[in-house]
Amino acid sequence: MTPLAQQSCEACRSGAPAVAAEEQDIFMMQLPDWDIVDEAGIKQLQRVFRFRNFVEALVFTNRVADLAEEEGHHPAILLEFGKATVRWWTHKIHGLHRNDFIMAARTDALYNS
């Protein structure tokens, strides 16, 4: 299986299937620093990234924004002093799609580069 960070998102439509529990478990093994959270009944992937200061967190946030624009898939990002919280989910299906796991892995790759 190709690592998630090396995959690209596929076009997603309303009614596309959410990730099955078994597949979700497999994907989460590649995303050990991420959590699945429930926000208003919608499952989302979330991770808090830590930085030395606000500027480093802002630079990272902008890199995630550039990645999101390239893929046409956009997260929620909370920028604070020394940290950025990123949440991925698929708005069209009100839950988690394979694309969200791909984007989480690619976000990790940005952070680690």
N, C-alpha and C. Protein backbone atom coordinates (compact mmCIF):
# COMPACT_ATOMS: atom_id res chain seq x y z
N MET A 1 0.84 -1.19 0.00
CA MET A 1 0.00 0.00 0.00
C MET A 1 0.88 1.25 0.00
N THR A 2 0.56 2.19 -0.86
CA THR A 2 1.31 3.44 -0.94
C THR A 2 1.04 4.26 0.32
N PRO A 3 2.10 4.79 0.96
CA PRO A 3 1.89 5.62 2.15
C PRO A 3 0.92 6.77 1.86
N LEU A 4 0.12 7.11 2.83
CA LEU A 4 -0.88 8.17 2.66
C LEU A 4 -0.26 9.47 2.18
N ALA A 5 0.89 9.84 2.71
CA ALA A 5 1.52 11.12 2.37
C ALA A 5 1.92 11.20 0.91
N GLN A 6 2.01 10.07 0.22
CA GLN A 6 2.39 10.05 -1.19
C GLN A 6 1.19 9.96 -2.12
N GLN A 7 0.00 9.96 -1.56
CA GLN A 7 -1.22 9.87 -2.36
C GLN A 7 -1.80 11.25 -2.60
N SER A 8 -2.65 11.35 -3.61
CA SER A 8 -3.36 12.59 -3.91
C SER A 8 -4.84 12.40 -3.64
N CYS A 9 -5.51 13.49 -3.38
CA CYS A 9 -6.95 13.43 -3.14
C CYS A 9 -7.69 13.14 -4.43
N GLU A 10 -8.83 12.49 -4.27
CA GLU A 10 -9.72 12.25 -5.41
C GLU A 10 -10.91 13.19 -5.27
N ALA A 11 -11.55 13.48 -6.39
CA ALA A 11 -12.74 14.33 -6.34
C ALA A 11 -13.79 13.65 -5.47
N CYS A 12 -14.41 14.43 -4.61
CA CYS A 12 -15.40 13.87 -3.69
C CYS A 12 -16.74 14.56 -3.95
N ARG A 13 -17.79 13.79 -3.92
CA ARG A 13 -19.12 14.32 -4.18
C ARG A 13 -20.02 14.08 -2.97
N SER A 14 -21.11 14.80 -2.90
CA SER A 14 -22.09 14.54 -1.86
C SER A 14 -22.55 13.09 -1.98
N GLY A 15 -22.69 12.43 -0.87
CA GLY A 15 -23.12 11.05 -0.89
C GLY A 15 -22.00 10.04 -1.03
N ALA A 16 -20.76 10.52 -1.18
CA ALA A 16 -19.62 9.60 -1.23
C ALA A 16 -19.54 8.87 0.11
N PRO A 17 -19.08 7.64 0.10
CA PRO A 17 -19.05 6.90 1.36
C PRO A 17 -17.96 7.41 2.31
N ALA A 18 -18.31 7.43 3.58
CA ALA A 18 -17.31 7.74 4.60
C ALA A 18 -16.39 6.53 4.73
N VAL A 19 -15.24 6.75 5.32
CA VAL A 19 -14.28 5.67 5.54
C VAL A 19 -14.88 4.65 6.51
N ALA A 20 -14.79 3.38 6.15
CA ALA A 20 -15.28 2.30 7.03
C ALA A 20 -14.36 2.18 8.24
N ALA A 21 -14.87 1.66 9.33
CA ALA A 21 -14.13 1.55 10.59
C ALA A 21 -12.82 0.78 10.41
N GLU A 22 -12.85 -0.30 9.63
CA GLU A 22 -11.64 -1.11 9.44
C GLU A 22 -10.56 -0.32 8.70
N GLU A 23 -10.98 0.39 7.67
CA GLU A 23 -10.03 1.20 6.89
C GLU A 23 -9.51 2.36 7.75
N GLN A 24 -10.39 2.95 8.53
CA GLN A 24 -10.00 4.03 9.44
C GLN A 24 -8.90 3.58 10.38
N ASP A 25 -9.03 2.39 10.94
CA ASP A 25 -8.02 1.85 11.85
C ASP A 25 -6.67 1.69 11.15
N ILE A 26 -6.69 1.23 9.91
CA ILE A 26 -5.46 1.06 9.13
C ILE A 26 -4.81 2.42 8.87
N PHE A 27 -5.62 3.40 8.48
CA PHE A 27 -5.08 4.74 8.21
C PHE A 27 -4.51 5.37 9.48
N MET A 28 -5.17 5.17 10.61
CA MET A 28 -4.71 5.80 11.85
C MET A 28 -3.35 5.25 12.30
N MET A 29 -2.99 4.06 11.86
CA MET A 29 -1.67 3.53 12.18
C MET A 29 -0.58 4.38 11.54
N GLN A 30 -0.90 5.06 10.42
CA GLN A 30 0.05 5.95 9.76
C GLN A 30 0.00 7.37 10.33
N LEU A 31 -0.95 7.62 11.22
CA LEU A 31 -1.15 8.97 11.77
C LEU A 31 -1.18 8.93 13.30
N PRO A 32 -0.09 8.49 13.93
CA PRO A 32 -0.11 8.29 15.38
C PRO A 32 -0.32 9.55 16.21
N ASP A 33 -0.05 10.72 15.65
CA ASP A 33 -0.19 11.96 16.41
C ASP A 33 -1.55 12.63 16.23
N TRP A 34 -2.40 12.02 15.44
CA TRP A 34 -3.72 12.57 15.17
C TRP A 34 -4.77 11.87 16.03
N ASP A 35 -5.83 12.61 16.31
CA ASP A 35 -6.98 12.07 17.04
C ASP A 35 -8.22 12.22 16.17
N ILE A 36 -9.16 11.34 16.39
CA ILE A 36 -10.47 11.51 15.78
C ILE A 36 -11.35 12.15 16.84
N VAL A 37 -11.87 13.32 16.52
CA VAL A 37 -12.72 14.06 17.45
C VAL A 37 -14.12 14.18 16.86
N ASP A 38 -15.07 14.45 17.71
CA ASP A 38 -16.44 14.64 17.29
C ASP A 38 -16.80 16.10 17.54
N GLU A 39 -17.06 16.81 16.47
CA GLU A 39 -17.46 18.22 16.56
C GLU A 39 -18.89 18.32 16.03
N ALA A 40 -19.82 18.55 16.93
CA ALA A 40 -21.24 18.68 16.56
C ALA A 40 -21.73 17.48 15.77
N GLY A 41 -21.29 16.29 16.19
CA GLY A 41 -21.75 15.06 15.54
C GLY A 41 -21.01 14.69 14.27
N ILE A 42 -19.93 15.41 13.96
CA ILE A 42 -19.16 15.15 12.75
C ILE A 42 -17.76 14.69 13.15
N LYS A 43 -17.37 13.49 12.70
CA LYS A 43 -16.02 12.99 12.98
C LYS A 43 -15.01 13.78 12.17
N GLN A 44 -13.92 14.17 12.85
CA GLN A 44 -12.85 14.95 12.23
C GLN A 44 -11.51 14.47 12.74
N LEU A 45 -10.48 14.62 11.90
CA LEU A 45 -9.11 14.34 12.32
C LEU A 45 -8.53 15.63 12.88
N GLN A 46 -7.86 15.54 14.02
CA GLN A 46 -7.29 16.74 14.65
C GLN A 46 -5.91 16.47 15.20
N ARG A 47 -5.05 17.45 15.01
CA ARG A 47 -3.72 17.40 15.61
C ARG A 47 -3.30 18.81 15.99
N VAL A 48 -2.61 18.92 17.13
CA VAL A 48 -2.03 20.19 17.56
C VAL A 48 -0.53 20.13 17.25
N PHE A 49 -0.06 21.10 16.47
CA PHE A 49 1.35 21.21 16.11
C PHE A 49 1.97 22.32 16.96
N ARG A 50 3.12 22.05 17.53
CA ARG A 50 3.77 23.00 18.45
C ARG A 50 4.98 23.67 17.79
N PHE A 51 5.17 24.94 18.14
CA PHE A 51 6.25 25.76 17.58
C PHE A 51 6.85 26.63 18.68
N ARG A 52 8.01 27.21 18.38
CA ARG A 52 8.68 28.06 19.37
C ARG A 52 8.00 29.42 19.53
N ASN A 53 7.30 29.87 18.49
CA ASN A 53 6.71 31.21 18.55
C ASN A 53 5.56 31.33 17.55
N PHE A 54 4.96 32.50 17.53
CA PHE A 54 3.81 32.75 16.66
C PHE A 54 4.21 32.73 15.19
N VAL A 55 5.34 33.30 14.85
CA VAL A 55 5.76 33.39 13.45
C VAL A 55 5.97 32.00 12.85
N GLU A 56 6.60 31.10 13.57
CA GLU A 56 6.79 29.74 13.06
C GLU A 56 5.44 29.05 12.85
N ALA A 57 4.52 29.25 13.77
CA ALA A 57 3.18 28.67 13.63
C ALA A 57 2.46 29.27 12.42
N LEU A 58 2.65 30.56 12.19
CA LEU A 58 2.02 31.22 11.05
C LEU A 58 2.59 30.71 9.73
N VAL A 59 3.90 30.54 9.65
CA VAL A 59 4.53 30.02 8.44
C VAL A 59 3.98 28.62 8.13
N PHE A 60 3.87 27.78 9.15
CA PHE A 60 3.31 26.45 8.96
C PHE A 60 1.86 26.53 8.49
N THR A 61 1.09 27.38 9.12
CA THR A 61 -0.32 27.55 8.73
C THR A 61 -0.42 27.94 7.26
N ASN A 62 0.43 28.82 6.81
CA ASN A 62 0.41 29.24 5.40
C ASN A 62 0.81 28.09 4.47
N ARG A 63 1.73 27.26 4.90
CA ARG A 63 2.12 26.09 4.09
C ARG A 63 0.96 25.10 3.99
N VAL A 64 0.24 24.90 5.09
CA VAL A 64 -0.94 24.03 5.05
C VAL A 64 -2.00 24.63 4.13
N ALA A 65 -2.17 25.94 4.19
CA ALA A 65 -3.14 26.62 3.30
C ALA A 65 -2.77 26.43 1.84
N ASP A 66 -1.49 26.52 1.51
CA ASP A 66 -1.04 26.30 0.13
C ASP A 66 -1.34 24.86 -0.32
N LEU A 67 -1.07 23.90 0.56
CA LEU A 67 -1.37 22.50 0.27
C LEU A 67 -2.87 22.31 0.04
N ALA A 68 -3.67 22.91 0.89
CA ALA A 68 -5.13 22.81 0.78
C ALA A 68 -5.61 23.36 -0.56
N GLU A 69 -5.07 24.49 -0.97
CA GLU A 69 -5.45 25.08 -2.25
C GLU A 69 -5.05 24.18 -3.42
N GLU A 70 -3.86 23.58 -3.34
CA GLU A 70 -3.41 22.68 -4.41
C GLU A 70 -4.36 21.51 -4.59
N GLU A 71 -4.87 20.97 -3.49
CA GLU A 71 -5.73 19.79 -3.53
C GLU A 71 -7.22 20.12 -3.58
N GLY A 72 -7.57 21.38 -3.34
CA GLY A 72 -8.98 21.75 -3.32
C GLY A 72 -9.72 21.12 -2.13
N HIS A 73 -9.00 20.95 -1.04
CA HIS A 73 -9.57 20.33 0.17
C HIS A 73 -9.05 21.15 1.35
N HIS A 74 -9.95 21.72 2.13
CA HIS A 74 -9.57 22.74 3.10
C HIS A 74 -9.91 22.36 4.53
N PRO A 75 -8.94 22.55 5.45
CA PRO A 75 -9.15 22.22 6.86
C PRO A 75 -9.62 23.43 7.66
N ALA A 76 -9.92 23.18 8.89
CA ALA A 76 -10.06 24.24 9.87
C ALA A 76 -8.70 24.36 10.55
N ILE A 77 -8.22 25.58 10.69
CA ILE A 77 -6.93 25.81 11.34
C ILE A 77 -7.10 26.88 12.40
N LEU A 78 -6.67 26.57 13.60
CA LEU A 78 -6.66 27.54 14.68
C LEU A 78 -5.21 27.90 14.96
N LEU A 79 -4.85 29.15 14.73
CA LEU A 79 -3.50 29.64 14.92
C LEU A 79 -3.41 30.37 16.25
N GLU A 80 -2.43 29.97 17.08
CA GLU A 80 -2.21 30.59 18.38
C GLU A 80 -0.70 30.77 18.57
N PHE A 81 -0.32 31.45 19.62
CA PHE A 81 1.10 31.59 19.92
C PHE A 81 1.68 30.20 20.17
N GLY A 82 2.65 29.82 19.36
CA GLY A 82 3.37 28.57 19.56
C GLY A 82 2.64 27.31 19.17
N LYS A 83 1.47 27.43 18.53
CA LYS A 83 0.80 26.21 18.09
C LYS A 83 -0.22 26.51 17.01
N ALA A 84 -0.51 25.46 16.26
CA ALA A 84 -1.57 25.50 15.24
C ALA A 84 -2.32 24.19 15.35
N THR A 85 -3.63 24.28 15.49
CA THR A 85 -4.48 23.10 15.54
C THR A 85 -5.13 22.95 14.17
N VAL A 86 -4.96 21.76 13.59
CA VAL A 86 -5.50 21.49 12.25
C VAL A 86 -6.55 20.40 12.36
N ARG A 87 -7.70 20.62 11.73
CA ARG A 87 -8.77 19.62 11.68
C ARG A 87 -9.17 19.39 10.23
N TRP A 88 -9.14 18.12 9.83
CA TRP A 88 -9.55 17.72 8.49
C TRP A 88 -10.84 16.89 8.56
N TRP A 89 -11.77 17.17 7.68
CA TRP A 89 -12.96 16.36 7.47
C TRP A 89 -13.53 16.78 6.13
N THR A 90 -14.44 15.98 5.62
CA THR A 90 -15.03 16.27 4.32
C THR A 90 -16.42 16.87 4.54
N HIS A 91 -16.53 18.13 4.20
CA HIS A 91 -17.77 18.87 4.42
C HIS A 91 -18.95 18.24 3.68
N LYS A 92 -18.71 17.79 2.46
CA LYS A 92 -19.80 17.27 1.63
C LYS A 92 -20.46 16.03 2.21
N ILE A 93 -19.71 15.24 2.98
CA ILE A 93 -20.29 14.02 3.54
C ILE A 93 -20.43 14.10 5.06
N HIS A 94 -20.08 15.25 5.64
CA HIS A 94 -20.19 15.46 7.08
C HIS A 94 -19.47 14.36 7.87
N GLY A 95 -18.24 14.07 7.44
CA GLY A 95 -17.46 13.04 8.12
C GLY A 95 -16.12 12.83 7.47
N LEU A 96 -15.55 11.66 7.71
CA LEU A 96 -14.20 11.36 7.26
C LEU A 96 -14.20 10.56 5.96
N HIS A 97 -13.44 11.04 5.02
CA HIS A 97 -13.21 10.41 3.71
C HIS A 97 -11.73 10.08 3.63
N ARG A 98 -11.37 9.22 2.74
CA ARG A 98 -9.96 8.87 2.53
C ARG A 98 -9.10 10.13 2.34
N ASN A 99 -9.65 11.13 1.66
CA ASN A 99 -8.91 12.37 1.42
C ASN A 99 -8.43 13.02 2.72
N ASP A 100 -9.22 12.92 3.77
CA ASP A 100 -8.85 13.56 5.03
C ASP A 100 -7.60 12.92 5.63
N PHE A 101 -7.51 11.61 5.51
CA PHE A 101 -6.33 10.89 6.02
C PHE A 101 -5.10 11.21 5.17
N ILE A 102 -5.30 11.33 3.86
CA ILE A 102 -4.20 11.72 2.97
C ILE A 102 -3.69 13.11 3.35
N MET A 103 -4.62 14.04 3.55
CA MET A 103 -4.21 15.41 3.86
C MET A 103 -3.58 15.50 5.25
N ALA A 104 -4.03 14.71 6.19
CA ALA A 104 -3.38 14.68 7.51
C ALA A 104 -1.94 14.20 7.39
N ALA A 105 -1.74 13.15 6.59
CA ALA A 105 -0.37 12.63 6.40
C ALA A 105 0.50 13.65 5.69
N ARG A 106 -0.07 14.34 4.73
CA ARG A 106 0.70 15.36 4.01
C ARG A 106 0.99 16.56 4.90
N THR A 107 0.08 16.85 5.83
CA THR A 107 0.32 17.93 6.82
C THR A 107 1.48 17.53 7.73
N ASP A 108 1.51 16.27 8.16
CA ASP A 108 2.64 15.79 8.96
C ASP A 108 3.95 15.95 8.19
N ALA A 109 3.92 15.63 6.90
CA ALA A 109 5.14 15.74 6.08
C ALA A 109 5.62 17.19 6.03
N LEU A 110 4.70 18.14 5.93
CA LEU A 110 5.08 19.57 5.95
C LEU A 110 5.74 19.92 7.27
N TYR A 111 5.15 19.46 8.35
CA TYR A 111 5.67 19.76 9.68
C TYR A 111 7.05 19.18 9.88
N ASN A 112 7.27 18.00 9.34
CA ASN A 112 8.56 17.31 9.53
C ASN A 112 9.64 17.76 8.55
N SER A 113 9.28 18.59 7.58
CA SER A 113 10.28 19.03 6.58
C SER A 113 10.95 20.33 6.98
